[in-house]
N, C-alpha and C. Protein backbone atom coordinates (compact mmCIF):
# COMPACT_ATOMS: atom_id res chain seq x y z
N MET A 1 76.44 154.27 -184.44
CA MET A 1 77.04 152.98 -184.26
C MET A 1 77.44 152.77 -182.80
N TYR A 2 78.13 153.73 -182.18
CA TYR A 2 78.54 153.59 -180.79
C TYR A 2 77.35 153.64 -179.85
N GLN A 3 76.31 154.36 -180.23
CA GLN A 3 75.14 154.48 -179.37
C GLN A 3 74.47 153.13 -179.17
N GLU A 4 74.41 152.31 -180.19
CA GLU A 4 73.82 150.98 -180.06
C GLU A 4 74.67 150.10 -179.15
N PHE A 5 75.98 150.22 -179.26
CA PHE A 5 76.87 149.43 -178.41
C PHE A 5 76.69 149.80 -176.95
N TYR A 6 76.66 151.09 -176.67
CA TYR A 6 76.55 151.54 -175.29
C TYR A 6 75.16 151.32 -174.72
N ASP A 7 74.14 151.32 -175.55
CA ASP A 7 72.78 151.07 -175.06
C ASP A 7 72.62 149.64 -174.54
N LYS A 8 73.32 148.71 -175.12
CA LYS A 8 73.16 147.30 -174.76
C LYS A 8 74.20 146.81 -173.75
N SER A 9 75.12 147.67 -173.36
CA SER A 9 76.18 147.27 -172.45
C SER A 9 75.70 147.33 -171.00
N ASP A 10 76.02 146.27 -170.26
CA ASP A 10 75.69 146.20 -168.84
C ASP A 10 76.80 146.78 -167.97
N LEU A 11 77.92 147.15 -168.58
CA LEU A 11 79.07 147.60 -167.81
C LEU A 11 79.15 149.11 -167.66
N LEU A 12 78.12 149.82 -168.03
CA LEU A 12 78.17 151.27 -167.94
C LEU A 12 78.08 151.79 -166.52
N ALA A 13 77.66 150.97 -165.60
CA ALA A 13 77.56 151.42 -164.20
C ALA A 13 78.94 151.55 -163.56
N TRP A 14 79.93 150.78 -164.00
CA TRP A 14 81.24 150.77 -163.35
C TRP A 14 82.00 152.09 -163.48
N PRO A 15 81.99 152.75 -164.62
CA PRO A 15 82.64 154.07 -164.64
C PRO A 15 81.96 155.07 -163.72
N LEU A 16 80.66 154.97 -163.58
CA LEU A 16 79.96 155.87 -162.66
C LEU A 16 80.31 155.56 -161.21
N VAL A 17 80.44 154.29 -160.89
CA VAL A 17 80.85 153.90 -159.54
C VAL A 17 82.26 154.44 -159.25
N GLY A 18 83.16 154.31 -160.22
CA GLY A 18 84.51 154.83 -160.05
C GLY A 18 84.52 156.33 -159.87
N LEU A 19 83.68 157.03 -160.63
CA LEU A 19 83.59 158.48 -160.50
C LEU A 19 83.06 158.88 -159.13
N VAL A 20 82.06 158.18 -158.64
CA VAL A 20 81.50 158.48 -157.32
C VAL A 20 82.54 158.24 -156.23
N ILE A 21 83.30 157.15 -156.34
CA ILE A 21 84.34 156.86 -155.35
C ILE A 21 85.42 157.95 -155.39
N PHE A 22 85.83 158.36 -156.58
CA PHE A 22 86.84 159.40 -156.71
C PHE A 22 86.36 160.70 -156.09
N ILE A 23 85.13 161.10 -156.39
CA ILE A 23 84.60 162.36 -155.85
C ILE A 23 84.49 162.28 -154.33
N ALA A 24 84.08 161.12 -153.80
CA ALA A 24 83.96 160.98 -152.34
C ALA A 24 85.32 161.11 -151.66
N ILE A 25 86.35 160.48 -152.22
CA ILE A 25 87.68 160.58 -151.63
C ILE A 25 88.23 161.99 -151.77
N PHE A 26 88.00 162.62 -152.92
CA PHE A 26 88.46 163.98 -153.13
C PHE A 26 87.82 164.94 -152.13
N LEU A 27 86.52 164.80 -151.91
CA LEU A 27 85.83 165.66 -150.94
C LEU A 27 86.28 165.38 -149.51
N ALA A 28 86.60 164.12 -149.21
CA ALA A 28 87.09 163.78 -147.88
C ALA A 28 88.46 164.43 -147.62
N VAL A 29 89.33 164.41 -148.63
CA VAL A 29 90.64 165.04 -148.48
C VAL A 29 90.49 166.55 -148.34
N LEU A 30 89.64 167.16 -149.14
CA LEU A 30 89.40 168.60 -149.01
C LEU A 30 88.84 168.94 -147.63
N GLY A 31 87.92 168.12 -147.14
CA GLY A 31 87.37 168.34 -145.81
C GLY A 31 88.42 168.24 -144.73
N TYR A 32 89.34 167.27 -144.87
CA TYR A 32 90.40 167.14 -143.89
C TYR A 32 91.33 168.34 -143.92
N VAL A 33 91.64 168.81 -145.12
CA VAL A 33 92.56 169.95 -145.24
C VAL A 33 91.94 171.22 -144.66
N PHE A 34 90.69 171.48 -144.97
CA PHE A 34 90.08 172.74 -144.55
C PHE A 34 89.49 172.69 -143.14
N VAL A 35 89.07 171.53 -142.68
CA VAL A 35 88.46 171.44 -141.35
C VAL A 35 89.40 170.77 -140.34
N GLY A 36 90.08 169.73 -140.76
CA GLY A 36 90.92 168.96 -139.84
C GLY A 36 92.24 169.62 -139.51
N LEU A 37 92.69 170.54 -140.34
CA LEU A 37 93.99 171.16 -140.10
C LEU A 37 93.86 172.61 -139.64
N LYS A 38 92.88 172.88 -138.82
CA LYS A 38 92.72 174.25 -138.31
C LYS A 38 93.70 174.57 -137.20
N SER A 39 94.22 173.56 -136.55
CA SER A 39 95.16 173.77 -135.46
C SER A 39 96.54 174.12 -136.02
N LYS A 40 97.08 175.25 -135.61
CA LYS A 40 98.40 175.70 -136.07
C LYS A 40 99.49 174.73 -135.61
N ALA A 41 99.35 174.17 -134.43
CA ALA A 41 100.35 173.24 -133.93
C ALA A 41 100.40 171.97 -134.78
N LYS A 42 99.24 171.49 -135.21
CA LYS A 42 99.18 170.29 -136.03
C LYS A 42 99.83 170.54 -137.40
N VAL A 43 99.57 171.69 -137.97
CA VAL A 43 100.16 172.04 -139.27
C VAL A 43 101.67 172.17 -139.14
N ASP A 44 102.16 172.79 -138.06
CA ASP A 44 103.60 172.93 -137.86
C ASP A 44 104.27 171.56 -137.67
N LYS A 45 103.60 170.65 -136.98
CA LYS A 45 104.14 169.31 -136.77
C LYS A 45 104.26 168.56 -138.10
N ILE A 46 103.23 168.65 -138.93
CA ILE A 46 103.25 167.98 -140.22
C ILE A 46 104.29 168.62 -141.14
N ALA A 47 104.40 169.93 -141.09
CA ALA A 47 105.36 170.64 -141.95
C ALA A 47 106.79 170.30 -141.59
N GLY A 48 107.06 169.96 -140.34
CA GLY A 48 108.41 169.66 -139.90
C GLY A 48 108.82 168.21 -140.09
N LEU A 49 107.94 167.36 -140.55
CA LEU A 49 108.26 165.94 -140.70
C LEU A 49 109.45 165.68 -141.63
N PRO A 50 109.56 166.33 -142.77
CA PRO A 50 110.71 166.03 -143.63
C PRO A 50 112.04 166.47 -143.04
N LEU A 51 112.02 167.33 -142.06
CA LEU A 51 113.25 167.87 -141.50
C LEU A 51 113.74 167.11 -140.27
N GLU A 52 112.95 166.18 -139.75
CA GLU A 52 113.35 165.42 -138.58
C GLU A 52 114.48 164.45 -138.95
N PRO A 53 115.44 164.26 -138.05
CA PRO A 53 116.52 163.32 -138.36
C PRO A 53 116.01 161.88 -138.38
N GLU A 54 116.62 161.09 -139.24
CA GLU A 54 116.22 159.69 -139.32
C GLU A 54 116.79 158.92 -138.14
N ILE A 55 116.04 157.95 -137.67
CA ILE A 55 116.49 157.11 -136.57
C ILE A 55 117.09 155.85 -137.18
N GLU A 56 118.35 155.61 -136.86
CA GLU A 56 118.99 154.41 -137.39
C GLU A 56 118.63 153.23 -136.52
N TYR A 57 118.33 152.12 -137.15
CA TYR A 57 117.91 150.92 -136.46
C TYR A 57 119.06 149.93 -136.43
N ASP A 58 119.39 149.46 -135.25
CA ASP A 58 120.47 148.50 -135.09
C ASP A 58 119.87 147.15 -134.73
N ALA A 59 119.91 146.22 -135.65
CA ALA A 59 119.31 144.90 -135.43
C ALA A 59 120.06 144.12 -134.37
N HIS A 60 121.37 144.32 -134.27
CA HIS A 60 122.14 143.58 -133.28
C HIS A 60 121.83 144.04 -131.87
N ALA A 61 121.54 145.30 -131.68
CA ALA A 61 121.22 145.81 -130.35
C ALA A 61 119.88 145.29 -129.87
N GLU A 62 119.00 144.98 -130.81
CA GLU A 62 117.68 144.46 -130.45
C GLU A 62 117.70 142.95 -130.25
N GLY A 63 118.82 142.31 -130.52
CA GLY A 63 118.89 140.86 -130.37
C GLY A 63 118.33 140.13 -131.56
N ARG A 64 118.23 140.80 -132.68
CA ARG A 64 117.69 140.17 -133.88
C ARG A 64 118.79 140.00 -134.91
N ALA A 65 119.91 139.55 -134.48
CA ALA A 65 121.03 139.37 -135.40
C ALA A 65 120.70 138.27 -136.40
N ASN A 66 121.44 138.23 -137.47
CA ASN A 66 121.23 137.25 -138.51
C ASN A 66 121.37 135.85 -137.92
N SER A 67 120.42 134.97 -138.18
CA SER A 67 120.43 133.64 -137.57
C SER A 67 121.45 132.71 -138.21
N ASN A 68 122.07 133.11 -139.33
CA ASN A 68 123.08 132.29 -139.99
C ASN A 68 124.44 132.43 -139.33
N GLU A 69 124.61 133.32 -138.40
CA GLU A 69 125.91 133.55 -137.77
C GLU A 69 126.22 132.48 -136.77
């Protein structure tokens, strides 16, 4: 019963397109991890990002104070 439904469906290409896109992105990320991150300095910089202090933004110092004032 399902075989007849799927044989006549024109939408069967879309799951394959989605699978190909997923595999391409997955391989690109793997390539970046194994090839793009060979530099120890780059890895240390990325690893330290969560530990950097946040920069507080002062809108009044930039001259962008609330226009309703």
